[in-house]
Amino acid sequence: RSVRPGETIDFFMSHSWHDDGELKYEALVLLCSSFRAKHGRDPTFWLDKVCIDQDNIADGLKVLPINVMACKKMLVL
């Protein structure tokens, strides 16, 4: 879902397409459960594959630093 007005992005998520997807998924489930228990809501994420127009990647990469800085934390899986 899109971020709601006044809401911030909790995590800029980075990962390698070559690493074990099951391990990354398990880590993500654990993080979400912990975040939900602490904050009473699901976390928000910025993920390049869905947040950058894949038909115009060059323009999306130009503003990547702005997107990184808009997030509270960086999550590397």
N, C-alpha and C. Protein backbone atom coordinates (compact mmCIF):
# COMPACT_ATOMS: atom_id res chain seq x y z
N ARG A 1 0.83 -1.18 0.00
CA ARG A 1 0.00 0.00 0.00
C ARG A 1 0.87 1.24 0.00
N SER A 2 0.30 2.32 -0.42
CA SER A 2 1.02 3.59 -0.39
C SER A 2 1.06 4.12 1.04
N VAL A 3 2.04 4.95 1.32
CA VAL A 3 2.15 5.58 2.63
C VAL A 3 1.04 6.62 2.73
N ARG A 4 0.41 6.64 3.88
CA ARG A 4 -0.69 7.59 4.12
C ARG A 4 -0.14 8.98 4.46
N PRO A 5 -0.93 10.03 4.25
CA PRO A 5 -0.48 11.38 4.59
C PRO A 5 -0.03 11.45 6.06
N GLY A 6 1.12 12.04 6.28
CA GLY A 6 1.66 12.18 7.62
C GLY A 6 2.42 10.95 8.11
N GLU A 7 2.38 9.88 7.35
CA GLU A 7 3.06 8.63 7.71
C GLU A 7 4.46 8.62 7.08
N THR A 8 5.40 8.00 7.75
CA THR A 8 6.75 7.88 7.21
C THR A 8 7.03 6.42 6.85
N ILE A 9 8.07 6.23 6.07
CA ILE A 9 8.48 4.87 5.69
C ILE A 9 9.44 4.37 6.77
N ASP A 10 9.13 3.22 7.32
CA ASP A 10 9.94 2.68 8.41
C ASP A 10 11.27 2.11 7.92
N PHE A 11 11.25 1.39 6.82
CA PHE A 11 12.46 0.69 6.37
C PHE A 11 12.69 0.85 4.87
N PHE A 12 13.91 1.22 4.51
CA PHE A 12 14.38 1.09 3.14
C PHE A 12 14.95 -0.31 3.06
N MET A 13 14.37 -1.16 2.24
CA MET A 13 14.78 -2.56 2.20
C MET A 13 15.70 -2.82 1.02
N SER A 14 16.85 -3.39 1.32
CA SER A 14 17.83 -3.76 0.30
C SER A 14 18.12 -5.25 0.44
N HIS A 15 18.34 -5.89 -0.68
CA HIS A 15 18.65 -7.33 -0.64
C HIS A 15 19.33 -7.74 -1.92
N SER A 16 19.84 -8.94 -1.91
CA SER A 16 20.45 -9.52 -3.10
C SER A 16 19.48 -10.54 -3.68
N TRP A 17 19.28 -10.49 -4.99
CA TRP A 17 18.42 -11.47 -5.65
C TRP A 17 19.05 -12.86 -5.62
N HIS A 18 20.34 -12.94 -5.27
CA HIS A 18 21.05 -14.22 -5.32
C HIS A 18 21.05 -14.97 -3.99
N ASP A 19 20.67 -14.30 -2.90
CA ASP A 19 20.66 -14.96 -1.60
C ASP A 19 19.40 -15.78 -1.41
N ASP A 20 19.43 -16.65 -0.42
CA ASP A 20 18.33 -17.58 -0.14
C ASP A 20 17.04 -16.83 0.20
N GLY A 21 16.04 -16.96 -0.65
CA GLY A 21 14.77 -16.27 -0.47
C GLY A 21 14.03 -16.71 0.78
N GLU A 22 14.11 -17.98 1.12
CA GLU A 22 13.42 -18.48 2.32
C GLU A 22 14.01 -17.86 3.58
N LEU A 23 15.33 -17.75 3.65
CA LEU A 23 15.96 -17.14 4.82
C LEU A 23 15.59 -15.66 4.93
N LYS A 24 15.55 -14.97 3.80
CA LYS A 24 15.16 -13.55 3.82
C LYS A 24 13.71 -13.41 4.27
N TYR A 25 12.86 -14.29 3.78
CA TYR A 25 11.44 -14.25 4.16
C TYR A 25 11.28 -14.48 5.67
N GLU A 26 11.98 -15.47 6.20
CA GLU A 26 11.91 -15.76 7.64
C GLU A 26 12.37 -14.55 8.46
N ALA A 27 13.45 -13.90 8.03
CA ALA A 27 13.95 -12.72 8.74
C ALA A 27 12.93 -11.58 8.67
N LEU A 28 12.28 -11.44 7.52
CA LEU A 28 11.28 -10.39 7.35
C LEU A 28 10.05 -10.65 8.21
N VAL A 29 9.61 -11.89 8.30
CA VAL A 29 8.46 -12.23 9.15
C VAL A 29 8.79 -11.93 10.61
N LEU A 30 9.99 -12.29 11.04
CA LEU A 30 10.41 -12.02 12.42
C LEU A 30 10.45 -10.52 12.70
N LEU A 31 11.02 -9.76 11.78
CA LEU A 31 11.08 -8.31 11.94
C LEU A 31 9.68 -7.71 12.03
N CYS A 32 8.78 -8.14 11.15
CA CYS A 32 7.42 -7.60 11.15
C CYS A 32 6.68 -7.95 12.44
N SER A 33 6.85 -9.16 12.92
CA SER A 33 6.21 -9.56 14.19
C SER A 33 6.71 -8.72 15.35
N SER A 34 8.01 -8.51 15.40
CA SER A 34 8.62 -7.72 16.46
C SER A 34 8.16 -6.26 16.37
N PHE A 35 8.15 -5.72 15.17
CA PHE A 35 7.72 -4.34 14.95
C PHE A 35 6.26 -4.17 15.36
N ARG A 36 5.42 -5.10 14.95
CA ARG A 36 3.99 -5.05 15.26
C ARG A 36 3.77 -5.08 16.77
N ALA A 37 4.50 -5.94 17.48
CA ALA A 37 4.37 -6.03 18.93
C ALA A 37 4.79 -4.72 19.62
N LYS A 38 5.79 -4.08 19.08
CA LYS A 38 6.30 -2.85 19.69
C LYS A 38 5.47 -1.62 19.33
N HIS A 39 4.99 -1.54 18.08
CA HIS A 39 4.34 -0.32 17.59
C HIS A 39 2.83 -0.45 17.37
N GLY A 40 2.30 -1.65 17.45
CA GLY A 40 0.87 -1.85 17.27
C GLY A 40 0.38 -1.69 15.85
N ARG A 41 1.29 -1.79 14.89
CA ARG A 41 0.94 -1.69 13.48
C ARG A 41 2.01 -2.40 12.65
N ASP A 42 1.68 -2.63 11.41
CA ASP A 42 2.66 -3.22 10.50
C ASP A 42 3.63 -2.15 10.04
N PRO A 43 4.88 -2.53 9.77
CA PRO A 43 5.85 -1.56 9.28
C PRO A 43 5.60 -1.21 7.82
N THR A 44 6.13 -0.08 7.39
CA THR A 44 6.09 0.32 5.99
C THR A 44 7.49 0.14 5.41
N PHE A 45 7.54 -0.20 4.12
CA PHE A 45 8.80 -0.50 3.46
C PHE A 45 8.92 0.25 2.14
N TRP A 46 10.14 0.59 1.78
CA TRP A 46 10.46 1.09 0.45
C TRP A 46 11.27 -0.01 -0.21
N LEU A 47 10.78 -0.54 -1.30
CA LEU A 47 11.43 -1.63 -2.02
C LEU A 47 11.54 -1.25 -3.49
N ASP A 48 12.75 -1.24 -4.00
CA ASP A 48 12.99 -0.72 -5.35
C ASP A 48 12.11 -1.35 -6.43
N LYS A 49 11.90 -2.62 -6.39
CA LYS A 49 11.16 -3.31 -7.46
C LYS A 49 9.74 -2.77 -7.60
N VAL A 50 9.15 -2.34 -6.50
CA VAL A 50 7.78 -1.83 -6.55
C VAL A 50 7.70 -0.31 -6.45
N CYS A 51 8.77 0.34 -6.01
CA CYS A 51 8.75 1.79 -5.82
C CYS A 51 9.44 2.57 -6.94
N ILE A 52 10.19 1.88 -7.79
CA ILE A 52 10.81 2.52 -8.94
C ILE A 52 10.12 1.98 -10.19
N ASP A 53 9.73 2.89 -11.06
CA ASP A 53 9.12 2.51 -12.33
C ASP A 53 10.12 1.66 -13.11
N GLN A 54 9.83 0.39 -13.27
CA GLN A 54 10.76 -0.52 -13.92
C GLN A 54 10.93 -0.25 -15.41
N ASP A 55 10.06 0.57 -15.98
CA ASP A 55 10.20 0.97 -17.38
C ASP A 55 11.02 2.25 -17.52
N ASN A 56 11.39 2.86 -16.37
CA ASN A 56 12.16 4.10 -16.38
C ASN A 56 13.09 4.11 -15.15
N ILE A 57 13.91 3.09 -15.06
CA ILE A 57 14.76 2.90 -13.88
C ILE A 57 15.75 4.05 -13.70
N ALA A 58 16.28 4.59 -14.78
CA ALA A 58 17.29 5.66 -14.67
C ALA A 58 16.76 6.86 -13.88
N ASP A 59 15.53 7.27 -14.15
CA ASP A 59 14.96 8.40 -13.41
C ASP A 59 14.75 8.06 -11.94
N GLY A 60 14.34 6.82 -11.67
CA GLY A 60 14.15 6.39 -10.29
C GLY A 60 15.45 6.38 -9.50
N LEU A 61 16.53 5.99 -10.17
CA LEU A 61 17.83 5.94 -9.51
C LEU A 61 18.37 7.34 -9.21
N LYS A 62 17.98 8.32 -10.01
CA LYS A 62 18.43 9.69 -9.77
C LYS A 62 17.95 10.22 -8.42
N VAL A 63 16.78 9.79 -8.00
CA VAL A 63 16.23 10.28 -6.72
C VAL A 63 16.37 9.25 -5.60
N LEU A 64 17.13 8.20 -5.85
CA LEU A 64 17.31 7.16 -4.83
C LEU A 64 17.82 7.71 -3.49
N PRO A 65 18.81 8.62 -3.47
CA PRO A 65 19.26 9.15 -2.18
C PRO A 65 18.13 9.84 -1.39
N ILE A 66 17.23 10.49 -2.08
CA ILE A 66 16.11 11.14 -1.41
C ILE A 66 15.20 10.09 -0.77
N ASN A 67 14.96 9.00 -1.50
CA ASN A 67 14.13 7.93 -0.96
C ASN A 67 14.78 7.26 0.24
N VAL A 68 16.09 7.06 0.18
CA VAL A 68 16.80 6.46 1.32
C VAL A 68 16.67 7.36 2.55
N MET A 69 16.88 8.65 2.35
CA MET A 69 16.84 9.59 3.48
C MET A 69 15.42 9.75 4.05
N ALA A 70 14.40 9.44 3.27
CA ALA A 70 13.03 9.56 3.74
C ALA A 70 12.64 8.42 4.67
N CYS A 71 13.44 7.38 4.71
CA CYS A 71 13.13 6.22 5.54
C CYS A 71 13.79 6.35 6.91
N LYS A 72 13.13 5.79 7.93
CA LYS A 72 13.66 5.86 9.28
C LYS A 72 14.90 4.97 9.45
N LYS A 73 14.87 3.78 8.85
CA LYS A 73 15.96 2.80 9.01
C LYS A 73 16.22 2.09 7.70
N MET A 74 17.39 1.47 7.60
CA MET A 74 17.72 0.65 6.45
C MET A 74 17.73 -0.80 6.88
N LEU A 75 17.08 -1.64 6.11
CA LEU A 75 17.03 -3.08 6.36
C LEU A 75 17.75 -3.77 5.21
N VAL A 76 18.81 -4.50 5.53
CA VAL A 76 19.56 -5.24 4.52
C VAL A 76 19.35 -6.72 4.80
N LEU A 77 18.74 -7.39 3.84
CA LEU A 77 18.47 -8.83 3.98
C LEU A 77 19.49 -9.63 3.19
